[in-house]
């Protein structure tokens, strides 16, 4: 595995960088203003840069007390497979260990095929037996 010289920080990406990274992995394009508002409302950010270019990010959204939601754990396709997702998760886990009180819930929606990655961090699938299955709704034009 080739080592990548990267810088990781707790700074939010710009809205333009965020939208571009989303598009690189095939996620929906969003309006820059909406993207900026979403980034501004986040509780925590972790960003990875290589040669000053955003190549990965993760963020936490939620109420900051009872509910925390892991959102947008994403690494640019050309940089996947180099442990950058794990580096982002280490930053996220450090934040959550300080921010989450006893009884808090941390949720996420894993991209298809990425469930095992999140199991390593203690996430479990909602199978519908004890808790209802997870659900979501997308707002489209």
N, C-alpha and C. Protein backbone atom coordinates (compact mmCIF):
# COMPACT_ATOMS: atom_id res chain seq x y z
N UNK A 1 0.85 -1.18 0.00
CA UNK A 1 0.00 0.00 0.00
C UNK A 1 0.89 1.24 0.00
N UNK A 2 0.64 2.13 -0.91
CA UNK A 2 1.39 3.38 -1.01
C UNK A 2 0.97 4.31 0.12
N UNK A 3 1.94 4.89 0.82
CA UNK A 3 1.63 5.83 1.88
C UNK A 3 1.31 7.18 1.26
N UNK A 4 0.29 7.83 1.79
CA UNK A 4 -0.12 9.14 1.32
C UNK A 4 0.21 10.16 2.38
N UNK A 5 0.89 11.21 1.98
CA UNK A 5 1.23 12.30 2.89
C UNK A 5 0.02 13.22 2.98
N UNK A 6 -0.73 13.11 4.07
CA UNK A 6 -1.95 13.89 4.19
C UNK A 6 -1.97 14.66 5.50
N UNK A 7 -2.85 15.64 5.54
CA UNK A 7 -3.07 16.44 6.75
C UNK A 7 -4.53 16.25 7.14
N UNK A 8 -4.75 15.89 8.40
CA UNK A 8 -6.11 15.74 8.91
C UNK A 8 -6.37 16.85 9.93
N UNK A 9 -7.56 17.42 9.89
CA UNK A 9 -7.90 18.48 10.82
C UNK A 9 -9.38 18.39 11.17
N UNK A 10 -9.77 19.21 12.13
CA UNK A 10 -11.17 19.28 12.54
C UNK A 10 -11.87 20.48 11.89
N UNK A 11 -11.36 20.92 10.76
CA UNK A 11 -11.94 22.06 10.06
C UNK A 11 -12.92 21.58 8.99
N UNK A 12 -13.99 22.33 8.84
CA UNK A 12 -14.98 22.01 7.82
C UNK A 12 -14.42 22.34 6.44
N UNK A 13 -14.80 21.56 5.44
CA UNK A 13 -14.43 21.92 4.07
C UNK A 13 -15.28 23.12 3.63
N UNK A 14 -14.90 23.73 2.54
CA UNK A 14 -15.78 24.75 1.97
C UNK A 14 -16.97 24.03 1.33
N UNK A 15 -18.03 24.77 1.11
CA UNK A 15 -19.21 24.18 0.48
C UNK A 15 -18.86 23.66 -0.91
N UNK A 16 -18.05 24.38 -1.65
CA UNK A 16 -17.65 23.96 -2.99
C UNK A 16 -16.85 22.64 -2.93
N UNK A 17 -15.94 22.53 -1.98
CA UNK A 17 -15.16 21.29 -1.82
C UNK A 17 -16.07 20.13 -1.44
N UNK A 18 -16.99 20.39 -0.53
CA UNK A 18 -17.93 19.37 -0.06
C UNK A 18 -18.77 18.83 -1.21
N UNK A 19 -19.33 19.72 -2.00
CA UNK A 19 -20.17 19.30 -3.13
C UNK A 19 -19.33 18.53 -4.15
N UNK A 20 -18.12 18.99 -4.42
CA UNK A 20 -17.25 18.31 -5.38
C UNK A 20 -16.91 16.90 -4.91
N UNK A 21 -16.60 16.74 -3.63
CA UNK A 21 -16.27 15.41 -3.09
C UNK A 21 -17.48 14.49 -3.16
N UNK A 22 -18.65 15.00 -2.83
CA UNK A 22 -19.88 14.21 -2.95
C UNK A 22 -20.06 13.71 -4.38
N UNK A 23 -19.85 14.59 -5.33
CA UNK A 23 -20.04 14.22 -6.74
C UNK A 23 -19.02 13.17 -7.18
N UNK A 24 -17.80 13.23 -6.63
CA UNK A 24 -16.76 12.25 -7.00
C UNK A 24 -17.18 10.83 -6.66
N UNK A 25 -17.95 10.67 -5.59
CA UNK A 25 -18.36 9.32 -5.17
C UNK A 25 -19.77 8.97 -5.65
N UNK A 26 -20.35 9.83 -6.49
CA UNK A 26 -21.64 9.51 -7.08
C UNK A 26 -22.85 9.91 -6.25
N UNK A 27 -22.65 10.74 -5.23
CA UNK A 27 -23.77 11.21 -4.44
C UNK A 27 -24.42 12.40 -5.14
N UNK A 28 -25.65 12.70 -4.75
CA UNK A 28 -26.39 13.80 -5.36
C UNK A 28 -25.63 15.12 -5.25
N UNK A 29 -25.75 15.93 -6.29
CA UNK A 29 -25.25 17.29 -6.27
C UNK A 29 -26.24 18.12 -5.46
N UNK A 30 -25.76 19.03 -4.65
CA UNK A 30 -26.63 19.89 -3.87
C UNK A 30 -26.25 21.35 -4.11
N UNK A 31 -27.20 22.22 -3.90
CA UNK A 31 -26.99 23.65 -4.03
C UNK A 31 -25.90 24.11 -3.05
N UNK A 32 -25.02 25.01 -3.49
CA UNK A 32 -23.93 25.47 -2.63
C UNK A 32 -24.43 26.14 -1.36
N UNK A 33 -25.50 26.91 -1.47
CA UNK A 33 -26.05 27.56 -0.28
C UNK A 33 -26.58 26.56 0.73
N UNK A 34 -27.27 25.56 0.25
CA UNK A 34 -27.79 24.50 1.12
C UNK A 34 -26.61 23.74 1.74
N UNK A 35 -25.61 23.44 0.94
CA UNK A 35 -24.42 22.74 1.45
C UNK A 35 -23.76 23.54 2.56
N UNK A 36 -23.62 24.84 2.37
CA UNK A 36 -22.98 25.69 3.39
C UNK A 36 -23.78 25.70 4.68
N UNK A 37 -25.10 25.82 4.56
CA UNK A 37 -25.94 25.81 5.75
C UNK A 37 -25.84 24.49 6.49
N UNK A 38 -25.78 23.40 5.74
CA UNK A 38 -25.66 22.08 6.35
C UNK A 38 -24.32 21.94 7.07
N UNK A 39 -23.26 22.37 6.42
CA UNK A 39 -21.94 22.30 7.06
C UNK A 39 -21.90 23.17 8.32
N UNK A 40 -22.49 24.37 8.23
CA UNK A 40 -22.49 25.28 9.38
C UNK A 40 -23.27 24.71 10.56
N UNK A 41 -24.29 23.90 10.29
CA UNK A 41 -25.12 23.34 11.36
C UNK A 41 -24.54 22.06 11.96
N UNK A 42 -23.43 21.58 11.43
CA UNK A 42 -22.83 20.34 11.93
C UNK A 42 -22.20 20.56 13.30
N UNK A 43 -22.14 19.50 14.08
CA UNK A 43 -21.53 19.55 15.40
C UNK A 43 -20.01 19.38 15.35
N UNK A 44 -19.54 18.61 14.39
CA UNK A 44 -18.11 18.27 14.32
C UNK A 44 -17.75 17.96 12.88
N UNK A 45 -16.52 18.31 12.51
CA UNK A 45 -15.98 18.01 11.18
C UNK A 45 -14.61 17.37 11.31
N UNK A 46 -14.30 16.47 10.40
CA UNK A 46 -12.94 15.97 10.22
C UNK A 46 -12.68 16.02 8.71
N UNK A 47 -11.57 16.61 8.34
CA UNK A 47 -11.22 16.74 6.92
C UNK A 47 -9.80 16.24 6.69
N UNK A 48 -9.62 15.60 5.55
CA UNK A 48 -8.29 15.15 5.15
C UNK A 48 -7.94 15.83 3.84
N UNK A 49 -6.71 16.37 3.80
CA UNK A 49 -6.22 17.05 2.60
C UNK A 49 -4.89 16.45 2.16
N UNK A 50 -4.72 16.39 0.86
CA UNK A 50 -3.45 15.98 0.25
C UNK A 50 -3.09 17.07 -0.75
N UNK A 51 -1.91 17.63 -0.62
CA UNK A 51 -1.51 18.76 -1.47
C UNK A 51 -2.57 19.86 -1.46
N UNK A 52 -3.11 20.14 -0.27
CA UNK A 52 -4.11 21.18 -0.04
C UNK A 52 -5.47 20.90 -0.70
N UNK A 53 -5.69 19.70 -1.21
CA UNK A 53 -6.95 19.33 -1.85
C UNK A 53 -7.72 18.42 -0.90
N UNK A 54 -9.03 18.69 -0.73
CA UNK A 54 -9.87 17.85 0.11
C UNK A 54 -9.99 16.47 -0.54
N UNK A 55 -9.61 15.43 0.21
CA UNK A 55 -9.70 14.06 -0.30
C UNK A 55 -10.57 13.17 0.58
N UNK A 56 -10.98 13.68 1.73
CA UNK A 56 -11.83 12.91 2.61
C UNK A 56 -12.43 13.78 3.70
N UNK A 57 -13.57 13.34 4.18
CA UNK A 57 -14.21 14.08 5.27
C UNK A 57 -15.21 13.21 5.99
N UNK A 58 -15.56 13.65 7.18
CA UNK A 58 -16.64 13.06 7.97
C UNK A 58 -17.19 14.18 8.83
N UNK A 59 -18.44 14.03 9.22
CA UNK A 59 -19.00 15.02 10.13
C UNK A 59 -20.06 14.39 11.00
N UNK A 60 -20.34 15.07 12.10
CA UNK A 60 -21.38 14.65 13.03
C UNK A 60 -22.44 15.74 13.03
N UNK A 61 -23.69 15.31 12.92
CA UNK A 61 -24.83 16.21 13.04
C UNK A 61 -25.69 15.70 14.18
N UNK A 62 -26.64 16.50 14.62
CA UNK A 62 -27.55 16.06 15.67
C UNK A 62 -27.85 17.17 16.65
N UNK A 63 -28.44 16.82 17.79
CA UNK A 63 -28.78 17.84 18.77
C UNK A 63 -27.66 18.11 19.76
N UNK A 64 -26.63 17.28 19.76
CA UNK A 64 -25.49 17.50 20.63
C UNK A 64 -25.70 17.05 22.07
N UNK A 65 -26.82 16.41 22.34
CA UNK A 65 -27.11 15.97 23.70
C UNK A 65 -27.50 14.50 23.74
N UNK A 66 -28.61 14.18 23.08
CA UNK A 66 -29.09 12.80 23.08
C UNK A 66 -28.82 12.08 21.76
N UNK A 67 -28.78 12.84 20.69
CA UNK A 67 -28.69 12.22 19.37
C UNK A 67 -27.55 12.79 18.55
N UNK A 68 -26.72 11.88 18.08
CA UNK A 68 -25.58 12.21 17.24
C UNK A 68 -25.68 11.32 16.01
N UNK A 69 -25.40 11.89 14.87
CA UNK A 69 -25.55 11.15 13.63
C UNK A 69 -24.29 11.30 12.81
N UNK A 70 -23.68 10.18 12.49
CA UNK A 70 -22.47 10.16 11.67
C UNK A 70 -22.88 10.36 10.22
N UNK A 71 -22.38 11.40 9.62
CA UNK A 71 -22.81 11.80 8.28
C UNK A 71 -21.59 12.02 7.38
N UNK A 72 -21.74 11.66 6.13
CA UNK A 72 -20.75 12.00 5.09
C UNK A 72 -19.34 11.50 5.38
N UNK A 73 -19.19 10.26 5.77
CA UNK A 73 -17.85 9.68 5.83
C UNK A 73 -17.53 9.31 4.39
N UNK A 74 -16.64 10.07 3.79
CA UNK A 74 -16.39 9.90 2.36
C UNK A 74 -14.91 10.15 2.05
N UNK A 75 -14.36 9.29 1.19
CA UNK A 75 -12.98 9.42 0.72
C UNK A 75 -13.02 9.40 -0.80
N UNK A 76 -12.31 10.32 -1.41
CA UNK A 76 -12.26 10.39 -2.87
C UNK A 76 -11.82 9.04 -3.43
N UNK A 77 -12.42 8.60 -4.53
CA UNK A 77 -12.11 7.27 -5.08
C UNK A 77 -10.63 6.99 -5.29
N UNK A 78 -9.86 7.95 -5.75
CA UNK A 78 -8.43 7.73 -6.00
C UNK A 78 -7.63 7.51 -4.72
N UNK A 79 -8.23 7.79 -3.57
CA UNK A 79 -7.52 7.68 -2.29
C UNK A 79 -8.10 6.59 -1.39
N UNK A 80 -9.09 5.86 -1.87
CA UNK A 80 -9.68 4.80 -1.07
C UNK A 80 -8.71 3.62 -0.96
N UNK A 81 -8.82 2.89 0.14
CA UNK A 81 -7.97 1.72 0.35
C UNK A 81 -6.64 2.04 0.99
N UNK A 82 -6.49 3.26 1.51
CA UNK A 82 -5.23 3.67 2.14
C UNK A 82 -5.39 3.97 3.64
N UNK A 83 -6.53 3.55 4.21
CA UNK A 83 -6.74 3.76 5.64
C UNK A 83 -7.25 5.14 6.02
N UNK A 84 -7.65 5.93 5.03
CA UNK A 84 -8.11 7.29 5.34
C UNK A 84 -9.48 7.28 6.03
N UNK A 85 -10.33 6.33 5.68
CA UNK A 85 -11.61 6.20 6.38
C UNK A 85 -11.39 5.91 7.85
N UNK A 86 -10.43 5.08 8.14
CA UNK A 86 -10.11 4.77 9.55
C UNK A 86 -9.52 5.98 10.26
N UNK A 87 -8.73 6.76 9.55
CA UNK A 87 -8.19 7.99 10.15
C UNK A 87 -9.32 8.96 10.48
N UNK A 88 -10.27 9.08 9.58
CA UNK A 88 -11.44 9.94 9.84
C UNK A 88 -12.22 9.42 11.04
N UNK A 89 -12.44 8.12 11.08
CA UNK A 89 -13.21 7.53 12.18
C UNK A 89 -12.50 7.68 13.52
N UNK A 90 -11.18 7.64 13.53
CA UNK A 90 -10.45 7.86 14.78
C UNK A 90 -10.74 9.26 15.32
N UNK A 91 -10.78 10.23 14.43
CA UNK A 91 -11.09 11.61 14.81
C UNK A 91 -12.53 11.71 15.30
N UNK A 92 -13.45 11.08 14.59
CA UNK A 92 -14.86 11.09 14.97
C UNK A 92 -15.05 10.41 16.33
N UNK A 93 -14.43 9.26 16.51
CA UNK A 93 -14.57 8.53 17.77
C UNK A 93 -14.01 9.34 18.94
N UNK A 94 -12.94 10.07 18.72
CA UNK A 94 -12.38 10.91 19.77
C UNK A 94 -13.39 12.00 20.17
N UNK A 95 -14.00 12.62 19.18
CA UNK A 95 -15.02 13.63 19.47
C UNK A 95 -16.20 13.01 20.23
N UNK A 96 -16.72 11.90 19.72
CA UNK A 96 -17.89 11.28 20.34
C UNK A 96 -17.61 10.83 21.77
N UNK A 97 -16.40 10.37 22.05
CA UNK A 97 -16.07 9.91 23.40
C UNK A 97 -16.17 11.04 24.42
N UNK A 98 -15.98 12.27 23.97
CA UNK A 98 -16.07 13.43 24.87
C UNK A 98 -17.47 14.05 24.85
N UNK A 99 -18.14 14.00 23.71
CA UNK A 99 -19.39 14.74 23.53
C UNK A 99 -20.63 13.97 23.96
N UNK A 100 -20.60 12.65 23.89
CA UNK A 100 -21.80 11.86 24.14
C UNK A 100 -21.97 11.54 25.62
N UNK A 101 -23.05 11.97 26.22
CA UNK A 101 -23.32 11.56 27.60
C UNK A 101 -23.87 10.13 27.63
N UNK A 102 -23.89 9.54 28.80
CA UNK A 102 -24.48 8.22 28.96
C UNK A 102 -25.93 8.28 28.50
N UNK A 103 -26.34 7.32 27.69
CA UNK A 103 -27.69 7.26 27.18
C UNK A 103 -27.85 7.86 25.79
N UNK A 104 -26.80 8.50 25.27
CA UNK A 104 -26.89 9.09 23.93
C UNK A 104 -26.95 7.99 22.88
N UNK A 105 -27.51 8.32 21.73
CA UNK A 105 -27.59 7.41 20.60
C UNK A 105 -26.76 8.00 19.46
N UNK A 106 -25.93 7.17 18.85
CA UNK A 106 -25.16 7.56 17.67
C UNK A 106 -25.66 6.71 16.52
N UNK A 107 -26.17 7.34 15.48
CA UNK A 107 -26.71 6.62 14.35
C UNK A 107 -25.97 6.93 13.07
N UNK A 108 -26.27 6.15 12.04
CA UNK A 108 -25.72 6.38 10.71
C UNK A 108 -26.51 5.58 9.70
N UNK A 109 -26.39 5.95 8.45
CA UNK A 109 -26.87 5.16 7.32
C UNK A 109 -25.64 4.76 6.53
N UNK A 110 -25.27 3.51 6.56
CA UNK A 110 -24.09 3.04 5.85
C UNK A 110 -24.38 2.92 4.36
N UNK A 111 -23.42 3.28 3.55
CA UNK A 111 -23.52 3.01 2.11
C UNK A 111 -23.51 1.50 1.93
N UNK A 112 -24.21 1.03 0.92
CA UNK A 112 -24.29 -0.41 0.69
C UNK A 112 -22.89 -1.00 0.56
N UNK A 113 -22.65 -2.07 1.30
CA UNK A 113 -21.36 -2.74 1.27
C UNK A 113 -20.37 -2.23 2.29
N UNK A 114 -20.70 -1.17 3.01
CA UNK A 114 -19.78 -0.59 4.00
C UNK A 114 -20.16 -0.94 5.43
N UNK A 115 -21.14 -1.80 5.61
CA UNK A 115 -21.62 -2.14 6.95
C UNK A 115 -20.51 -2.72 7.83
N UNK A 116 -19.68 -3.59 7.28
CA UNK A 116 -18.61 -4.19 8.09
C UNK A 116 -17.63 -3.16 8.61
N UNK A 117 -17.36 -2.13 7.83
CA UNK A 117 -16.48 -1.04 8.27
C UNK A 117 -17.01 -0.45 9.57
N UNK A 118 -18.31 -0.18 9.63
CA UNK A 118 -18.89 0.46 10.81
C UNK A 118 -19.07 -0.51 11.98
N UNK A 119 -19.22 -1.80 11.69
CA UNK A 119 -19.29 -2.78 12.78
C UNK A 119 -18.03 -2.73 13.64
N UNK A 120 -16.90 -2.46 13.02
CA UNK A 120 -15.63 -2.36 13.76
C UNK A 120 -15.67 -1.26 14.82
N UNK A 121 -16.60 -0.33 14.70
CA UNK A 121 -16.73 0.78 15.65
C UNK A 121 -17.95 0.62 16.56
N UNK A 122 -18.50 -0.59 16.61
CA UNK A 122 -19.59 -0.89 17.53
C UNK A 122 -20.99 -0.63 17.00
N UNK A 123 -21.12 -0.26 15.74
CA UNK A 123 -22.45 -0.05 15.17
C UNK A 123 -23.07 -1.40 14.84
N UNK A 124 -24.37 -1.51 15.06
CA UNK A 124 -25.11 -2.74 14.76
C UNK A 124 -26.25 -2.41 13.81
N UNK A 125 -26.60 -3.39 13.00
CA UNK A 125 -27.71 -3.20 12.08
C UNK A 125 -29.02 -3.34 12.83
N UNK A 126 -29.98 -2.53 12.46
CA UNK A 126 -31.33 -2.64 13.02
C UNK A 126 -32.05 -3.68 12.18
N UNK A 127 -32.22 -4.86 12.75
CA UNK A 127 -32.77 -5.98 11.99
C UNK A 127 -34.29 -6.09 12.08
N UNK A 128 -34.91 -5.21 12.84
CA UNK A 128 -36.37 -5.24 12.95
C UNK A 128 -36.87 -6.10 14.09
N UNK A 129 -35.99 -6.81 14.80
CA UNK A 129 -36.43 -7.68 15.88
C UNK A 129 -36.65 -6.85 17.15
N UNK A 130 -35.60 -6.23 17.68
CA UNK A 130 -35.72 -5.43 18.90
C UNK A 130 -36.06 -3.97 18.60
N UNK A 131 -35.51 -3.47 17.54
CA UNK A 131 -35.76 -2.10 17.09
C UNK A 131 -36.30 -2.19 15.67
N UNK A 132 -37.12 -1.26 15.28
CA UNK A 132 -37.59 -1.25 13.90
C UNK A 132 -36.43 -1.10 12.94
N UNK A 133 -36.64 -1.53 11.72
CA UNK A 133 -35.59 -1.35 10.71
C UNK A 133 -35.42 0.14 10.46
N UNK A 134 -34.20 0.54 10.15
CA UNK A 134 -33.93 1.93 9.81
C UNK A 134 -34.66 2.32 8.54
N UNK A 135 -35.06 3.56 8.48
CA UNK A 135 -35.78 4.05 7.30
C UNK A 135 -35.26 5.45 6.97
N UNK A 136 -35.49 5.87 5.74
CA UNK A 136 -35.17 7.23 5.34
C UNK A 136 -36.10 7.65 4.22
N UNK A 137 -36.10 8.92 3.93
CA UNK A 137 -36.90 9.46 2.84
C UNK A 137 -36.07 10.54 2.17
N UNK A 138 -36.04 10.54 0.85
CA UNK A 138 -35.30 11.54 0.09
C UNK A 138 -36.27 12.54 -0.50
N UNK A 139 -35.95 13.79 -0.42
CA UNK A 139 -36.76 14.84 -1.01
C UNK A 139 -36.20 15.14 -2.39
N UNK A 140 -36.99 14.94 -3.39
CA UNK A 140 -36.57 15.14 -4.77
C UNK A 140 -37.49 16.16 -5.44
N UNK A 141 -37.06 16.65 -6.57
CA UNK A 141 -37.89 17.59 -7.34
C UNK A 141 -39.11 16.89 -7.89
